[in-house]
Each structure stands twice: as C-alpha cells, then as structure tokens.
C-alpha cells in the first residue's frame, strides 16, 4: 500500500518546516507519539515527536483520513509539553 500525504502548508510556513522534514520525522525509527483528540470530521489524529536528518526535533500532527491518506495538519519545533506526552512504543 502506498501512502499519500497531504499538508497544511499554512502550519508549515508559520513554523518554517518543510514537507520533507515532516516525512523525515515520520521515518525516524526512534520517534515517539501520543494520540491527539479526533478531528472535527471524527478522524483519528496522532502527534509524533522525532528528529529530521539535520537533528532538528519537531512535533508533527497527522490526521488519518482514509486507509491510504495521511494529512499533516500541524508541524513545528517540538514543545516541552509534546515531548513529555510522547512516550516510546515499539
């Protein structure tokens, strides 16, 4: 199955985060997460905390719209609250 990613470009622009950096965090094998509240559409959402290839720690919010579409609705430098909430899961 090939995943398709969509992005909230306003969020990325505000935080000076690129789409590639978001995907790098999602590919980080040591990333952590916590479940966020469902979206207004009722879709599940998860906040990921991980590193880019240049060691930038970011928090990336993903809304799971369909089985093959993931919408990155939030991206910015990882905040202390998100770091503390995200726990390592294998």
PDB file of N, CA and C in Angstrom:
ATOM      1  N   UNK A   1       0.839  -1.174   0.000  1.00  0.00           N
ATOM      2  CA  UNK A   1       0.000   0.000   0.000  1.00  0.00           C
ATOM      3  C   UNK A   1       0.887   1.241   0.000  1.00  0.00           C
ATOM      4  N   UNK A   2       0.621   2.170  -0.886  1.00  0.00           N
ATOM      5  CA  UNK A   2       1.352   3.432  -0.955  1.00  0.00           C
ATOM      6  C   UNK A   2       0.552   4.503  -0.222  1.00  0.00           C
ATOM      7  N   UNK A   3       1.190   5.141   0.734  1.00  0.00           N
ATOM      8  CA  UNK A   3       0.536   6.207   1.462  1.00  0.00           C
ATOM      9  C   UNK A   3       0.655   7.507   0.692  1.00  0.00           C
ATOM     10  N   UNK A   4      -0.397   8.297   0.759  1.00  0.00           N
ATOM     11  CA  UNK A   4      -0.378   9.637   0.181  1.00  0.00           C
ATOM     12  C   UNK A   4      -0.428  10.631   1.338  1.00  0.00           C
ATOM     13  N   UNK A   5       0.435  11.615   1.290  1.00  0.00           N
ATOM     14  CA  UNK A   5       0.470  12.633   2.326  1.00  0.00           C
ATOM     15  C   UNK A   5      -0.049  13.947   1.767  1.00  0.00           C
ATOM     16  N   UNK A   6      -0.866  14.629   2.561  1.00  0.00           N
ATOM     17  CA  UNK A   6      -1.275  15.992   2.259  1.00  0.00           C
ATOM     18  C   UNK A   6      -0.779  16.857   3.407  1.00  0.00           C
ATOM     19  N   UNK A   7      -0.667  18.153   3.165  1.00  0.00           N
ATOM     20  CA  UNK A   7      -0.054  19.045   4.147  1.00  0.00           C
ATOM     21  C   UNK A   7      -0.887  20.303   4.361  1.00  0.00           C
ATOM     22  N   UNK A   8      -0.868  20.799   5.594  1.00  0.00           N
ATOM     23  CA  UNK A   8      -1.395  22.124   5.906  1.00  0.00           C
ATOM     24  C   UNK A   8      -0.201  23.076   5.712  1.00  0.00           C
ATOM     25  N   UNK A   9      -0.127  23.664   4.536  1.00  0.00           N
ATOM     26  CA  UNK A   9       1.034  24.488   4.201  1.00  0.00           C
ATOM     27  C   UNK A   9       1.105  25.757   5.043  1.00  0.00           C
ATOM     28  N   UNK A  10      -0.033  26.248   5.557  1.00  0.00           N
ATOM     29  CA  UNK A  10      -0.001  27.412   6.445  1.00  0.00           C
ATOM     30  C   UNK A  10       0.765  27.084   7.722  1.00  0.00           C
ATOM     31  N   UNK A  11       0.509  25.918   8.288  1.00  0.00           N
ATOM     32  CA  UNK A  11       1.210  25.496   9.502  1.00  0.00           C
ATOM     33  C   UNK A  11       2.700  25.335   9.239  1.00  0.00           C
ATOM     34  N   UNK A  12       3.040  24.706   8.124  1.00  0.00           N
ATOM     35  CA  UNK A  12       4.450  24.513   7.793  1.00  0.00           C
ATOM     36  C   UNK A  12       5.159  25.848   7.597  1.00  0.00           C
ATOM     37  N   UNK A  13       4.508  26.757   6.905  1.00  0.00           N
ATOM     38  CA  UNK A  13       5.116  28.063   6.630  1.00  0.00           C
ATOM     39  C   UNK A  13       5.343  28.843   7.928  1.00  0.00           C
ATOM     40  N   UNK A  14       4.343  28.860   8.809  1.00  0.00           N
ATOM     41  CA  UNK A  14       4.479  29.582  10.084  1.00  0.00           C
ATOM     42  C   UNK A  14       5.667  29.080  10.893  1.00  0.00           C
ATOM     43  N   UNK A  15       5.871  27.768  10.889  1.00  0.00           N
ATOM     44  CA  UNK A  15       6.931  27.174  11.707  1.00  0.00           C
ATOM     45  C   UNK A  15       8.236  26.965  10.945  1.00  0.00           C
ATOM     46  N   UNK A  16       8.255  27.352   9.676  1.00  0.00           N
ATOM     47  CA  UNK A  16       9.449  27.179   8.842  1.00  0.00           C
ATOM     48  C   UNK A  16       9.894  25.714   8.816  1.00  0.00           C
ATOM     49  N   UNK A  17       8.912  24.847   8.535  1.00  0.00           N
ATOM     50  CA  UNK A  17       9.145  23.412   8.419  1.00  0.00           C
ATOM     51  C   UNK A  17       8.792  23.010   6.997  1.00  0.00           C
ATOM     52  N   UNK A  18       9.626  22.200   6.381  1.00  0.00           N
ATOM     53  CA  UNK A  18       9.360  21.760   5.014  1.00  0.00           C
ATOM     54  C   UNK A  18       8.588  20.436   5.018  1.00  0.00           C
ATOM     55  N   UNK A  19       7.883  20.141   3.936  1.00  0.00           N
ATOM     56  CA  UNK A  19       7.238  18.825   3.834  1.00  0.00           C
ATOM     57  C   UNK A  19       8.249  17.681   3.970  1.00  0.00           C
ATOM     58  N   UNK A  20       9.439  17.846   3.403  1.00  0.00           N
ATOM     59  CA  UNK A  20      10.462  16.803   3.524  1.00  0.00           C
ATOM     60  C   UNK A  20      10.855  16.564   4.980  1.00  0.00           C
ATOM     61  N   UNK A  21      10.960  17.631   5.769  1.00  0.00           N
ATOM     62  CA  UNK A  21      11.295  17.467   7.189  1.00  0.00           C
ATOM     63  C   UNK A  21      10.195  16.689   7.914  1.00  0.00           C
ATOM     64  N   UNK A  22       8.942  16.953   7.568  1.00  0.00           N
ATOM     65  CA  UNK A  22       7.835  16.203   8.174  1.00  0.00           C
ATOM     66  C   UNK A  22       7.994  14.714   7.888  1.00  0.00           C
ATOM     67  N   UNK A  23       8.290  14.387   6.660  1.00  0.00           N
ATOM     68  CA  UNK A  23       8.438  12.983   6.274  1.00  0.00           C
ATOM     69  C   UNK A  23       9.670  12.349   6.922  1.00  0.00           C
ATOM     70  N   UNK A  24      10.717  13.141   7.134  1.00  0.00           N
ATOM     71  CA  UNK A  24      11.907  12.642   7.824  1.00  0.00           C
ATOM     72  C   UNK A  24      11.564  12.256   9.261  1.00  0.00           C
ATOM     73  N   UNK A  25      10.769  13.088   9.939  1.00  0.00           N
ATOM     74  CA  UNK A  25      10.357  12.777  11.310  1.00  0.00           C
ATOM     75  C   UNK A  25       9.532  11.491  11.321  1.00  0.00           C
ATOM     76  N   UNK A  26       8.606  11.367  10.377  1.00  0.00           N
ATOM     77  CA  UNK A  26       7.771  10.166  10.335  1.00  0.00           C
ATOM     78  C   UNK A  26       8.582   8.917  10.015  1.00  0.00           C
ATOM     79  N   UNK A  27       9.717   9.078   9.355  1.00  0.00           N
ATOM     80  CA  UNK A  27      10.592   7.943   9.039  1.00  0.00           C
ATOM     81  C   UNK A  27      11.583   7.642  10.172  1.00  0.00           C
ATOM     82  N   UNK A  28      11.700   8.530  11.146  1.00  0.00           N
ATOM     83  CA  UNK A  28      12.633   8.355  12.260  1.00  0.00           C
ATOM     84  C   UNK A  28      12.252   7.093  13.052  1.00  0.00           C
ATOM     85  N   UNK A  29      13.138   6.098  13.119  1.00  0.00           N
ATOM     86  CA  UNK A  29      12.787   4.862  13.835  1.00  0.00           C
ATOM     87  C   UNK A  29      12.653   5.049  15.344  1.00  0.00           C
ATOM     88  N   UNK A  30      13.119   6.166  15.879  1.00  0.00           N
ATOM     89  CA  UNK A  30      13.062   6.414  17.322  1.00  0.00           C
ATOM     90  C   UNK A  30      12.013   7.452  17.697  1.00  0.00           C
ATOM     91  N   UNK A  31      11.163   7.834  16.765  1.00  0.00           N
ATOM     92  CA  UNK A  31      10.124   8.831  17.054  1.00  0.00           C
ATOM     93  C   UNK A  31       9.175   8.298  18.127  1.00  0.00           C
ATOM     94  N   UNK A  32       8.559   9.205  18.831  1.00  0.00           N
ATOM     95  CA  UNK A  32       7.580   8.862  19.860  1.00  0.00           C
ATOM     96  C   UNK A  32       6.266   9.545  19.497  1.00  0.00           C
ATOM     97  N   UNK A  33       5.192   9.209  20.215  1.00  0.00           N
ATOM     98  CA  UNK A  33       3.899   9.800  19.868  1.00  0.00           C
ATOM     99  C   UNK A  33       2.940   9.803  21.045  1.00  0.00           C
ATOM    100  N   UNK A  34       1.878  10.574  20.876  1.00  0.00           N
ATOM    101  CA  UNK A  34       0.702  10.475  21.736  1.00  0.00           C
ATOM    102  C   UNK A  34      -0.516  10.703  20.854  1.00  0.00           C
ATOM    103  N   UNK A  35      -1.616  10.122  21.253  1.00  0.00           N
ATOM    104  CA  UNK A  35      -2.847  10.277  20.488  1.00  0.00           C
ATOM    105  C   UNK A  35      -3.482  11.613  20.823  1.00  0.00           C
ATOM    106  N   UNK A  36      -3.821  12.354  19.790  1.00  0.00           N
ATOM    107  CA  UNK A  36      -4.488  13.651  19.917  1.00  0.00           C
ATOM    108  C   UNK A  36      -5.992  13.414  19.837  1.00  0.00           C
ATOM    109  N   UNK A  37      -6.764  14.449  20.129  1.00  0.00           N
ATOM    110  CA  UNK A  37      -8.214  14.341  20.003  1.00  0.00           C
ATOM    111  C   UNK A  37      -8.595  14.134  18.543  1.00  0.00           C
ATOM    112  N   UNK A  38      -9.698  13.418  18.274  1.00  0.00           N
ATOM    113  CA  UNK A  38     -10.138  13.260  16.882  1.00  0.00           C
ATOM    114  C   UNK A  38     -10.431  14.616  16.247  1.00  0.00           C
ATOM    115  N   UNK A  39     -10.336  14.652  14.923  1.00  0.00           N
ATOM    116  CA  UNK A  39     -10.615  15.884  14.180  1.00  0.00           C
ATOM    117  C   UNK A  39     -12.114  16.172  14.187  1.00  0.00           C
ATOM    118  N   UNK A  40     -12.492  17.331  13.668  1.00  0.00           N
ATOM    119  CA  UNK A  40     -13.911  17.679  13.558  1.00  0.00           C
ATOM    120  C   UNK A  40     -14.649  16.689  12.666  1.00  0.00           C
ATOM    121  N   UNK A  41     -13.935  16.052  11.762  1.00  0.00           N
ATOM    122  CA  UNK A  41     -14.533  15.033  10.884  1.00  0.00           C
ATOM    123  C   UNK A  41     -14.643  13.682  11.583  1.00  0.00           C
ATOM    124  N   UNK A  42     -14.068  13.588  12.779  1.00  0.00           N
ATOM    125  CA  UNK A  42     -14.082  12.328  13.516  1.00  0.00           C
ATOM    126  C   UNK A  42     -12.915  11.420  13.182  1.00  0.00           C
ATOM    127  N   UNK A  43     -11.962  11.916  12.424  1.00  0.00           N
ATOM    128  CA  UNK A  43     -10.793  11.118  12.045  1.00  0.00           C
ATOM    129  C   UNK A  43      -9.794  11.066  13.195  1.00  0.00           C
ATOM    130  N   UNK A  44      -9.150   9.917  13.397  1.00  0.00           N
ATOM    131  CA  UNK A  44      -8.126   9.827  14.445  1.00  0.00           C
ATOM    132  C   UNK A  44      -6.921  10.691  14.096  1.00  0.00           C
ATOM    133  N   UNK A  45      -6.281  11.216  15.148  1.00  0.00           N
ATOM    134  CA  UNK A  45      -5.088  12.050  14.962  1.00  0.00           C
ATOM    135  C   UNK A  45      -4.026  11.626  15.959  1.00  0.00           C
ATOM    136  N   UNK A  46      -2.788  11.774  15.551  1.00  0.00           N
ATOM    137  CA  UNK A  46      -1.655  11.406  16.398  1.00  0.00           C
ATOM    138  C   UNK A  46      -0.572  12.476  16.252  1.00  0.00           C
ATOM    139  N   UNK A  47       0.065  12.814  17.375  1.00  0.00           N
ATOM    140  CA  UNK A  47       1.172  13.761  17.389  1.00  0.00           C
ATOM    141  C   UNK A  47       2.470  12.972  17.523  1.00  0.00           C
ATOM    142  N   UNK A  48       3.342  13.128  16.532  1.00  0.00           N
ATOM    143  CA  UNK A  48       4.634  12.450  16.506  1.00  0.00           C
ATOM    144  C   UNK A  48       5.735  13.427  16.893  1.00  0.00           C
ATOM    145  N   UNK A  49       6.710  12.960  17.639  1.00  0.00           N
ATOM    146  CA  UNK A  49       7.878  13.757  18.017  1.00  0.00           C
ATOM    147  C   UNK A  49       9.112  12.972  17.585  1.00  0.00           C
ATOM    148  N   UNK A  50       9.928  13.610  16.749  1.00  0.00           N
ATOM    149  CA  UNK A  50      11.117  12.930  16.267  1.00  0.00           C
ATOM    150  C   UNK A  50      12.090  13.907  15.638  1.00  0.00           C
ATOM    151  N   UNK A  51      13.111  13.363  15.040  1.00  0.00           N
ATOM    152  CA  UNK A  51      14.198  14.173  14.501  1.00  0.00           C
ATOM    153  C   UNK A  51      14.251  14.114  12.979  1.00  0.00           C
ATOM    154  N   UNK A  52      14.681  15.234  12.405  1.00  0.00           N
ATOM    155  CA  UNK A  52      14.975  15.292  10.978  1.00  0.00           C
ATOM    156  C   UNK A  52      16.396  14.782  10.761  1.00  0.00           C
ATOM    157  N   UNK A  53      16.803  14.694   9.521  1.00  0.00           N
ATOM    158  CA  UNK A  53      18.165  14.248   9.216  1.00  0.00           C
ATOM    159  C   UNK A  53      19.214  15.240   9.697  1.00  0.00           C
ATOM    160  N   UNK A  54      18.813  16.504   9.919  1.00  0.00           N
ATOM    161  CA  UNK A  54      19.744  17.512  10.432  1.00  0.00           C
ATOM    162  C   UNK A  54      19.606  17.691  11.944  1.00  0.00           C
ATOM    163  N   UNK A  55      18.993  16.679  12.619  1.00  0.00           N
ATOM    164  CA  UNK A  55      18.857  16.661  14.086  1.00  0.00           C
ATOM    165  C   UNK A  55      17.941  17.755  14.630  1.00  0.00           C
ATOM    166  N   UNK A  56      17.008  18.206  13.842  1.00  0.00           N
ATOM    167  CA  UNK A  56      16.009  19.173  14.303  1.00  0.00           C
ATOM    168  C   UNK A  56      14.838  18.381  14.896  1.00  0.00           C
ATOM    169  N   UNK A  57      14.510  18.620  16.179  1.00  0.00           N
ATOM    170  CA  UNK A  57      13.407  17.880  16.813  1.00  0.00           C
ATOM    171  C   UNK A  57      12.095  18.618  16.565  1.00  0.00           C
ATOM    172  N   UNK A  58      11.171  17.921  15.925  1.00  0.00           N
ATOM    173  CA  UNK A  58       9.890  18.509  15.550  1.00  0.00           C
ATOM    174  C   UNK A  58       8.738  17.693  16.106  1.00  0.00           C
ATOM    175  N   UNK A  59       7.587  18.368  16.233  1.00  0.00           N
ATOM    176  CA  UNK A  59       6.337  17.661  16.502  1.00  0.00           C
ATOM    177  C   UNK A  59       5.484  17.773  15.247  1.00  0.00           C
ATOM    178  N   UNK A  60       4.969  16.643  14.815  1.00  0.00           N
ATOM    179  CA  UNK A  60       4.217  16.554  13.572  1.00  0.00           C
ATOM    180  C   UNK A  60       2.855  15.934  13.888  1.00  0.00           C
ATOM    181  N   UNK A  61       1.786  16.671  13.607  1.00  0.00           N
ATOM    182  CA  UNK A  61       0.440  16.163  13.822  1.00  0.00           C
ATOM    183  C   UNK A  61      -0.102  15.545  12.545  1.00  0.00           C
ATOM    184  N   UNK A  62      -0.568  14.300  12.648  1.00  0.00           N
ATOM    185  CA  UNK A  62      -1.082  13.582  11.482  1.00  0.00           C
ATOM    186  C   UNK A  62      -2.537  13.198  11.732  1.00  0.00           C
ATOM    187  N   UNK A  63      -3.385  13.539  10.769  1.00  0.00           N
ATOM    188  CA  UNK A  63      -4.783  13.109  10.774  1.00  0.00           C
ATOM    189  C   UNK A  63      -4.913  11.976   9.765  1.00  0.00           C
ATOM    190  N   UNK A  64      -5.479  10.871  10.208  1.00  0.00           N
ATOM    191  CA  UNK A  64      -5.610   9.690   9.357  1.00  0.00           C
ATOM    192  C   UNK A  64      -6.990   9.717   8.703  1.00  0.00           C
ATOM    193  N   UNK A  65      -7.031  10.234   7.463  1.00  0.00           N
ATOM    194  CA  UNK A  65      -8.301  10.459   6.775  1.00  0.00           C
ATOM    195  C   UNK A  65      -8.900   9.175   6.216  1.00  0.00           C
ATOM    196  N   UNK A  66      -8.114   8.404   5.528  1.00  0.00           N
ATOM    197  CA  UNK A  66      -8.528   7.130   4.943  1.00  0.00           C
ATOM    198  C   UNK A  66      -7.374   6.170   5.125  1.00  0.00           C
ATOM    199  N   UNK A  67      -7.569   4.946   4.729  1.00  0.00           N
ATOM    200  CA  UNK A  67      -6.511   3.962   4.943  1.00  0.00           C
ATOM    201  C   UNK A  67      -5.218   4.311   4.218  1.00  0.00           C
ATOM    202  N   UNK A  68      -5.287   5.128   3.175  1.00  0.00           N
ATOM    203  CA  UNK A  68      -4.085   5.439   2.412  1.00  0.00           C
ATOM    204  C   UNK A  68      -3.774   6.932   2.325  1.00  0.00           C
ATOM    205  N   UNK A  69      -4.472   7.765   3.107  1.00  0.00           N
ATOM    206  CA  UNK A  69      -4.222   9.212   3.101  1.00  0.00           C
ATOM    207  C   UNK A  69      -3.939   9.687   4.522  1.00  0.00           C
ATOM    208  N   UNK A  70      -2.798  10.339   4.685  1.00  0.00           N
ATOM    209  CA  UNK A  70      -2.421  10.923   5.968  1.00  0.00           C
ATOM    210  C   UNK A  70      -2.215  12.419   5.759  1.00  0.00           C
ATOM    211  N   UNK A  71      -2.957  13.224   6.529  1.00  0.00           N
ATOM    212  CA  UNK A  71      -2.886  14.683   6.405  1.00  0.00           C
ATOM    213  C   UNK A  71      -2.048  15.241   7.544  1.00  0.00           C
ATOM    214  N   UNK A  72      -0.963  15.894   7.202  1.00  0.00           N
ATOM    215  CA  UNK A  72      -0.121  16.545   8.206  1.00  0.00           C
ATOM    216  C   UNK A  72      -0.710  17.926   8.445  1.00  0.00           C
ATOM    217  N   UNK A  73      -1.397  18.057   9.594  1.00  0.00           N
ATOM    218  CA  UNK A  73      -2.139  19.282   9.911  1.00  0.00           C
ATOM    219  C   UNK A  73      -1.350  20.231  10.795  1.00  0.00           C
ATOM    220  N   UNK A  74      -0.245  19.760  11.360  1.00  0.00           N
ATOM    221  CA  UNK A  74       0.497  20.559  12.340  1.00  0.00           C
ATOM    222  C   UNK A  74       1.973  20.182  12.259  1.00  0.00           C
ATOM    223  N   UNK A  75       2.826  21.186  12.280  1.00  0.00           N
ATOM    224  CA  UNK A  75       4.275  20.936  12.303  1.00  0.00           C
ATOM    225  C   UNK A  75       4.964  22.142  12.916  1.00  0.00           C
ATOM    226  N   UNK A  76       5.878  21.872  13.845  1.00  0.00           N
ATOM    227  CA  UNK A  76       6.698  22.932  14.442  1.00  0.00           C
ATOM    228  C   UNK A  76       7.780  22.305  15.300  1.00  0.00           C
ATOM    229  N   UNK A  77       8.666  23.163  15.799  1.00  0.00           N
ATOM    230  CA  UNK A  77       9.689  22.715  16.734  1.00  0.00           C
ATOM    231  C   UNK A  77       8.976  22.061  17.914  1.00  0.00           C
ATOM    232  N   UNK A  78       9.479  20.921  18.359  1.00  0.00           N
ATOM    233  CA  UNK A  78       8.829  20.183  19.447  1.00  0.00           C
ATOM    234  C   UNK A  78       8.803  21.016  20.723  1.00  0.00           C
ATOM    235  N   UNK A  79       7.614  21.142  21.288  1.00  0.00           N
ATOM    236  CA  UNK A  79       7.422  21.869  22.534  1.00  0.00           C
ATOM    237  C   UNK A  79       7.578  20.912  23.714  1.00  0.00           C
ATOM    238  N   UNK A  80       7.953  21.438  24.874  1.00  0.00           N
ATOM    239  CA  UNK A  80       8.185  20.603  26.060  1.00  0.00           C
ATOM    240  C   UNK A  80       6.979  19.733  26.392  1.00  0.00           C
ATOM    241  N   UNK A  81       5.782  20.286  26.276  1.00  0.00           N
ATOM    242  CA  UNK A  81       4.569  19.520  26.610  1.00  0.00           C
ATOM    243  C   UNK A  81       4.432  18.294  25.702  1.00  0.00           C
ATOM    244  N   UNK A  82       4.671  18.484  24.412  1.00  0.00           N
ATOM    245  CA  UNK A  82       4.579  17.351  23.481  1.00  0.00           C
ATOM    246  C   UNK A  82       5.667  16.322  23.752  1.00  0.00           C
ATOM    247  N   UNK A  83       6.861  16.789  24.052  1.00  0.00           N
ATOM    248  CA  UNK A  83       7.961  15.868  24.358  1.00  0.00           C
ATOM    249  C   UNK A  83       7.617  15.005  25.559  1.00  0.00           C
ATOM    250  N   UNK A  84       7.051  15.621  26.599  1.00  0.00           N
ATOM    251  CA  UNK A  84       6.692  14.880  27.804  1.00  0.00           C
ATOM    252  C   UNK A  84       5.533  13.917  27.561  1.00  0.00           C
ATOM    253  N   UNK A  85       4.569  14.308  26.742  1.00  0.00           N
ATOM    254  CA  UNK A  85       3.401  13.452  26.486  1.00  0.00           C
ATOM    255  C   UNK A  85       3.721  12.267  25.599  1.00  0.00           C
ATOM    256  N   UNK A  86       4.679  12.452  24.709  1.00  0.00           N
ATOM    257  CA  UNK A  86       5.035  11.371  23.768  1.00  0.00           C
ATOM    258  C   UNK A  86       5.870  10.331  24.504  1.00  0.00           C
ATOM    259  N   UNK A  87       5.489   9.088  24.378  1.00  0.00           N
ATOM    260  CA  UNK A  87       6.225   8.008  25.031  1.00  0.00           C
ATOM    261  C   UNK A  87       6.704   7.031  23.976  1.00  0.00           C
ATOM    262  N   UNK A  88       7.802   6.394  24.275  1.00  0.00           N
ATOM    263  CA  UNK A  88       8.374   5.432  23.320  1.00  0.00           C
ATOM    264  C   UNK A  88       7.550   4.152  23.309  1.00  0.00           C
ATOM    265  N   UNK A  89       7.167   3.725  22.114  1.00  0.00           N
ATOM    266  CA  UNK A  89       6.459   2.465  21.924  1.00  0.00           C
ATOM    267  C   UNK A  89       7.143   1.689  20.828  1.00  0.00           C
ATOM    268  N   UNK A  90       7.247   0.411  20.980  1.00  0.00           N
ATOM    269  CA  UNK A  90       7.868  -0.419  19.952  1.00  0.00           C
ATOM    270  C   UNK A  90       6.819  -1.184  19.179  1.00  0.00           C
TER     271      UNK A  90
END
